Amino acid sequence: MSDTPDFPDGDIAALLAAQIETRFGLALAELTLAVNAAPRAHTSATYAVHAYGLLTEAQSALETAEDALVAELQTAAGDVLDDPVMDLAHQVYEAVELRDARAAALRALLETPANQARASTRPVTRLTTTLPTAVPTQPARIMGSAR
């Protein structure tokens, strides 16, 4: 059902949680508390915890959509699926896509070296110190020209 490569069948969130714990050397609950207490102390950890939260929300939405589809399929009569059932199937498909995208984003965060992630967190401020010059509305008159 999922096109995300390198994830075996199973709980993607649990696999990535284990990778987060391995990378940062803390249980996920402890890391979440540390990030909430000092979000700027370790930006890689902050991003990972945030991305994991988004992943678990997407996983929960997927499970809800799957449960609704299964319930509707159990009550469906006949061989032809009607529009409400097809709408639920599309919701499941979209939920899978969102979950997989969130999982891929988190996996990319975890594969980024810590020093590289920290270097890219501070945006460069662009300041202009010159004001634009006004363009004259009428052509300039040249005085003293030959007649």
C-alpha atoms as a PDB file:
ATOM      1  CA  MET A   1       0.000   0.000   0.000  1.00  0.00           C
ATOM      2  CA  SER A   2       2.936   2.331   0.670  1.00  0.00           C
ATOM      3  CA  ASP A   3       5.556   3.404  -1.863  1.00  0.00           C
ATOM      4  CA  THR A   4       8.065   4.618   0.719  1.00  0.00           C
ATOM      5  CA  PRO A   5      11.314   2.716   0.111  1.00  0.00           C
ATOM      6  CA  ASP A   6      13.435   1.049   2.787  1.00  0.00           C
ATOM      7  CA  PHE A   7      10.627   0.726   5.330  1.00  0.00           C
ATOM      8  CA  PRO A   8       9.697  -2.855   6.065  1.00  0.00           C
ATOM      9  CA  ASP A   9       6.077  -3.690   6.681  1.00  0.00           C
ATOM     10  CA  GLY A  10       5.385  -2.574  10.192  1.00  0.00           C
ATOM     11  CA  ASP A  11       4.988   0.501  12.273  1.00  0.00           C
ATOM     12  CA  ILE A  12       6.934   3.269  10.545  1.00  0.00           C
ATOM     13  CA  ALA A  13       6.554   5.591  13.529  1.00  0.00           C
ATOM     14  CA  ALA A  14       8.075   3.010  15.881  1.00  0.00           C
ATOM     15  CA  LEU A  15      11.007   2.407  13.545  1.00  0.00           C
ATOM     16  CA  LEU A  16      11.736   6.111  13.279  1.00  0.00           C
ATOM     17  CA  ALA A  17      11.285   6.607  17.026  1.00  0.00           C
ATOM     18  CA  ALA A  18      13.986   4.003  17.578  1.00  0.00           C
ATOM     19  CA  GLN A  19      16.263   5.849  15.146  1.00  0.00           C
ATOM     20  CA  ILE A  20      15.628   9.149  16.976  1.00  0.00           C
ATOM     21  CA  GLU A  21      16.474   7.522  20.302  1.00  0.00           C
ATOM     22  CA  THR A  22      19.650   6.003  18.863  1.00  0.00           C
ATOM     23  CA  ARG A  23      20.796   9.261  17.292  1.00  0.00           C
ATOM     24  CA  PHE A  24      20.233  11.464  20.330  1.00  0.00           C
ATOM     25  CA  GLY A  25      20.911   8.888  23.047  1.00  0.00           C
ATOM     26  CA  LEU A  26      17.674   9.568  24.945  1.00  0.00           C
ATOM     27  CA  ALA A  27      14.277   7.958  25.126  1.00  0.00           C
ATOM     28  CA  LEU A  28      11.805   9.838  22.949  1.00  0.00           C
ATOM     29  CA  ALA A  29       9.752  11.004  25.949  1.00  0.00           C
ATOM     30  CA  GLU A  30      12.891  12.410  27.617  1.00  0.00           C
ATOM     31  CA  LEU A  31      14.024  14.049  24.392  1.00  0.00           C
ATOM     32  CA  THR A  32      10.609  15.638  23.948  1.00  0.00           C
ATOM     33  CA  LEU A  33      10.762  17.078  27.468  1.00  0.00           C
ATOM     34  CA  ALA A  34      14.271  18.410  26.844  1.00  0.00           C
ATOM     35  CA  VAL A  35      13.249  19.993  23.541  1.00  0.00           C
ATOM     36  CA  ASN A  36      10.173  21.590  25.116  1.00  0.00           C
ATOM     37  CA  ALA A  37      12.309  23.001  27.922  1.00  0.00           C
ATOM     38  CA  ALA A  38      14.992  24.428  25.624  1.00  0.00           C
ATOM     39  CA  PRO A  39      13.979  24.313  21.945  1.00  0.00           C
ATOM     40  CA  ARG A  40      17.035  26.249  20.752  1.00  0.00           C
ATOM     41  CA  ALA A  41      19.595  24.175  22.614  1.00  0.00           C
ATOM     42  CA  HIS A  42      19.832  21.513  19.916  1.00  0.00           C
ATOM     43  CA  THR A  43      18.047  22.388  16.689  1.00  0.00           C
ATOM     44  CA  SER A  44      18.422  18.923  15.169  1.00  0.00           C
ATOM     45  CA  ALA A  45      16.623  17.392  18.135  1.00  0.00           C
ATOM     46  CA  THR A  46      13.922  20.061  17.977  1.00  0.00           C
ATOM     47  CA  TYR A  47      13.304  19.394  14.286  1.00  0.00           C
ATOM     48  CA  ALA A  48      13.270  15.631  14.824  1.00  0.00           C
ATOM     49  CA  VAL A  49      10.773  15.818  17.691  1.00  0.00           C
ATOM     50  CA  HIS A  50       8.533  18.167  15.702  1.00  0.00           C
ATOM     51  CA  ALA A  51       8.680  15.981  12.611  1.00  0.00           C
ATOM     52  CA  TYR A  52       7.932  12.903  14.712  1.00  0.00           C
ATOM     53  CA  GLY A  53       4.865  14.643  16.131  1.00  0.00           C
ATOM     54  CA  LEU A  54       3.642  15.385  12.605  1.00  0.00           C
ATOM     55  CA  LEU A  55       4.269  11.765  11.634  1.00  0.00           C
ATOM     56  CA  THR A  56       2.252  10.399  14.553  1.00  0.00           C
ATOM     57  CA  GLU A  57      -0.627  12.767  13.716  1.00  0.00           C
ATOM     58  CA  ALA A  58      -0.584  11.538  10.114  1.00  0.00           C
ATOM     59  CA  GLN A  59      -0.469   7.903  11.288  1.00  0.00           C
ATOM     60  CA  SER A  60      -3.465   8.500  13.553  1.00  0.00           C
ATOM     61  CA  ALA A  61      -5.413  10.109  10.700  1.00  0.00           C
ATOM     62  CA  LEU A  62      -4.570   7.132   8.494  1.00  0.00           C
ATOM     63  CA  GLU A  63      -5.818   4.641  11.068  1.00  0.00           C
ATOM     64  CA  THR A  64      -9.057   6.600  11.490  1.00  0.00           C
ATOM     65  CA  ALA A  65      -9.599   6.677   7.716  1.00  0.00           C
ATOM     66  CA  GLU A  66      -8.866   2.944   7.428  1.00  0.00           C
ATOM     67  CA  ASP A  67     -11.311   2.127  10.225  1.00  0.00           C
ATOM     68  CA  ALA A  68     -14.046   4.172   8.537  1.00  0.00           C
ATOM     69  CA  LEU A  69     -13.421   2.430   5.210  1.00  0.00           C
ATOM     70  CA  VAL A  70     -13.483  -1.045   6.753  1.00  0.00           C
ATOM     71  CA  ALA A  71     -16.737  -0.255   8.583  1.00  0.00           C
ATOM     72  CA  GLU A  72     -18.318   0.975   5.371  1.00  0.00           C
ATOM     73  CA  LEU A  73     -17.102  -2.029   3.381  1.00  0.00           C
ATOM     74  CA  GLN A  74     -18.628  -4.404   5.935  1.00  0.00           C
ATOM     75  CA  THR A  75     -22.045  -2.838   5.433  1.00  0.00           C
ATOM     76  CA  ALA A  76     -21.783  -2.403   1.654  1.00  0.00           C
ATOM     77  CA  ALA A  77     -24.142  -4.542  -0.371  1.00  0.00           C
ATOM     78  CA  GLY A  78     -23.306  -5.972  -3.771  1.00  0.00           C
ATOM     79  CA  ASP A  79     -20.184  -6.006  -5.876  1.00  0.00           C
ATOM     80  CA  VAL A  80     -20.244  -2.351  -6.923  1.00  0.00           C
ATOM     81  CA  LEU A  81     -18.809   0.238  -4.572  1.00  0.00           C
ATOM     82  CA  ASP A  82     -20.831   3.418  -4.306  1.00  0.00           C
ATOM     83  CA  ASP A  83     -19.500   6.980  -4.123  1.00  0.00           C
ATOM     84  CA  PRO A  84     -19.257   7.241  -0.299  1.00  0.00           C
ATOM     85  CA  VAL A  85     -17.117   4.092  -0.183  1.00  0.00           C
ATOM     86  CA  MET A  86     -14.898   5.372  -2.979  1.00  0.00           C
ATOM     87  CA  ASP A  87     -14.536   8.712  -1.168  1.00  0.00           C
ATOM     88  CA  LEU A  88     -13.367   6.854   1.935  1.00  0.00           C
ATOM     89  CA  ALA A  89     -10.914   4.868  -0.182  1.00  0.00           C
ATOM     90  CA  HIS A  90      -9.501   8.124  -1.570  1.00  0.00           C
ATOM     91  CA  GLN A  91      -9.172   9.476   1.973  1.00  0.00           C
ATOM     92  CA  VAL A  92      -7.174   6.402   2.946  1.00  0.00           C
ATOM     93  CA  TYR A  93      -4.941   6.831  -0.096  1.00  0.00           C
ATOM     94  CA  GLU A  94      -4.310  10.498   0.718  1.00  0.00           C
ATOM     95  CA  ALA A  95      -3.635   9.656   4.365  1.00  0.00           C
ATOM     96  CA  VAL A  96      -1.058   7.053   3.292  1.00  0.00           C
ATOM     97  CA  GLU A  97       0.625   9.598   1.026  1.00  0.00           C
ATOM     98  CA  LEU A  98       0.779  12.172   3.816  1.00  0.00           C
ATOM     99  CA  ARG A  99       2.112   9.665   6.333  1.00  0.00           C
ATOM    100  CA  ASP A 100       4.758   8.465   3.895  1.00  0.00           C
ATOM    101  CA  ALA A 101       5.822  12.030   3.083  1.00  0.00           C
ATOM    102  CA  ARG A 102       6.163  12.839   6.773  1.00  0.00           C
ATOM    103  CA  ALA A 103       8.132   9.631   7.344  1.00  0.00           C
ATOM    104  CA  ALA A 104      10.470  10.438   4.455  1.00  0.00           C
ATOM    105  CA  ALA A 105      11.023  13.974   5.774  1.00  0.00           C
ATOM    106  CA  LEU A 106      11.849  12.673   9.242  1.00  0.00           C
ATOM    107  CA  ARG A 107      14.164  10.062   7.799  1.00  0.00           C
ATOM    108  CA  ALA A 108      15.978  12.758   5.816  1.00  0.00           C
ATOM    109  CA  LEU A 109      16.367  14.820   9.001  1.00  0.00           C
ATOM    110  CA  LEU A 110      17.848  11.837  10.784  1.00  0.00           C
ATOM    111  CA  GLU A 111      20.305  11.163   7.966  1.00  0.00           C
ATOM    112  CA  THR A 112      21.590  14.747   7.958  1.00  0.00           C
ATOM    113  CA  PRO A 113      24.796  15.150   9.954  1.00  0.00           C
ATOM    114  CA  ALA A 114      24.210  17.151  13.140  1.00  0.00           C
ATOM    115  CA  ASN A 115      26.717  19.895  12.295  1.00  0.00           C
ATOM    116  CA  GLN A 116      25.175  20.410   8.850  1.00  0.00           C
ATOM    117  CA  ALA A 117      21.670  20.751  10.258  1.00  0.00           C
ATOM    118  CA  ARG A 118      22.848  23.285  12.826  1.00  0.00           C
ATOM    119  CA  ALA A 119      24.660  25.381  10.226  1.00  0.00           C
ATOM    120  CA  SER A 120      21.526  25.824   8.130  1.00  0.00           C
ATOM    121  CA  THR A 121      19.260  26.992  10.953  1.00  0.00           C
ATOM    122  CA  ARG A 122      20.197  30.664  10.989  1.00  0.00           C
ATOM    123  CA  PRO A 123      18.793  32.535   7.970  1.00  0.00           C
ATOM    124  CA  VAL A 124      20.853  35.251   6.351  1.00  0.00           C
ATOM    125  CA  THR A 125      19.318  38.690   6.783  1.00  0.00           C
ATOM    126  CA  ARG A 126      19.366  40.843   3.699  1.00  0.00           C
ATOM    127  CA  LEU A 127      19.497  44.562   4.355  1.00  0.00           C
ATOM    128  CA  THR A 128      19.546  47.246   1.735  1.00  0.00           C
ATOM    129  CA  THR A 129      21.230  50.483   2.685  1.00  0.00           C
ATOM    130  CA  THR A 130      20.414  52.500  -0.413  1.00  0.00           C
ATOM    131  CA  LEU A 131      17.080  53.941  -1.369  1.00  0.00           C
ATOM    132  CA  PRO A 132      15.872  53.683  -4.928  1.00  0.00           C
ATOM    133  CA  THR A 133      16.307  56.877  -6.901  1.00  0.00           C
ATOM    134  CA  ALA A 134      13.244  58.592  -8.269  1.00  0.00           C
ATOM    135  CA  VAL A 135      12.841  58.615 -12.028  1.00  0.00           C
ATOM    136  CA  PRO A 136      12.022  62.100 -13.363  1.00  0.00           C
ATOM    137  CA  THR A 137       8.516  62.379 -14.777  1.00  0.00           C
ATOM    138  CA  GLN A 138       9.442  64.988 -17.419  1.00  0.00           C
ATOM    139  CA  PRO A 139      12.494  65.103 -19.627  1.00  0.00           C
ATOM    140  CA  ALA A 140      15.247  67.370 -18.382  1.00  0.00           C
ATOM    141  CA  ARG A 141      15.556  70.803 -20.067  1.00  0.00           C
ATOM    142  CA  ILE A 142      18.967  71.753 -21.296  1.00  0.00           C
ATOM    143  CA  MET A 143      19.608  75.484 -20.993  1.00  0.00           C
ATOM    144  CA  GLY A 144      21.924  77.378 -23.229  1.00  0.00           C
ATOM    145  CA  SER A 145      21.483  75.167 -26.249  1.00  0.00           C
ATOM    146  CA  ALA A 146      21.734  76.523 -29.806  1.00  0.00           C
ATOM    147  CA  ARG A 147      18.527  77.622 -31.507  1.00  0.00           C
END
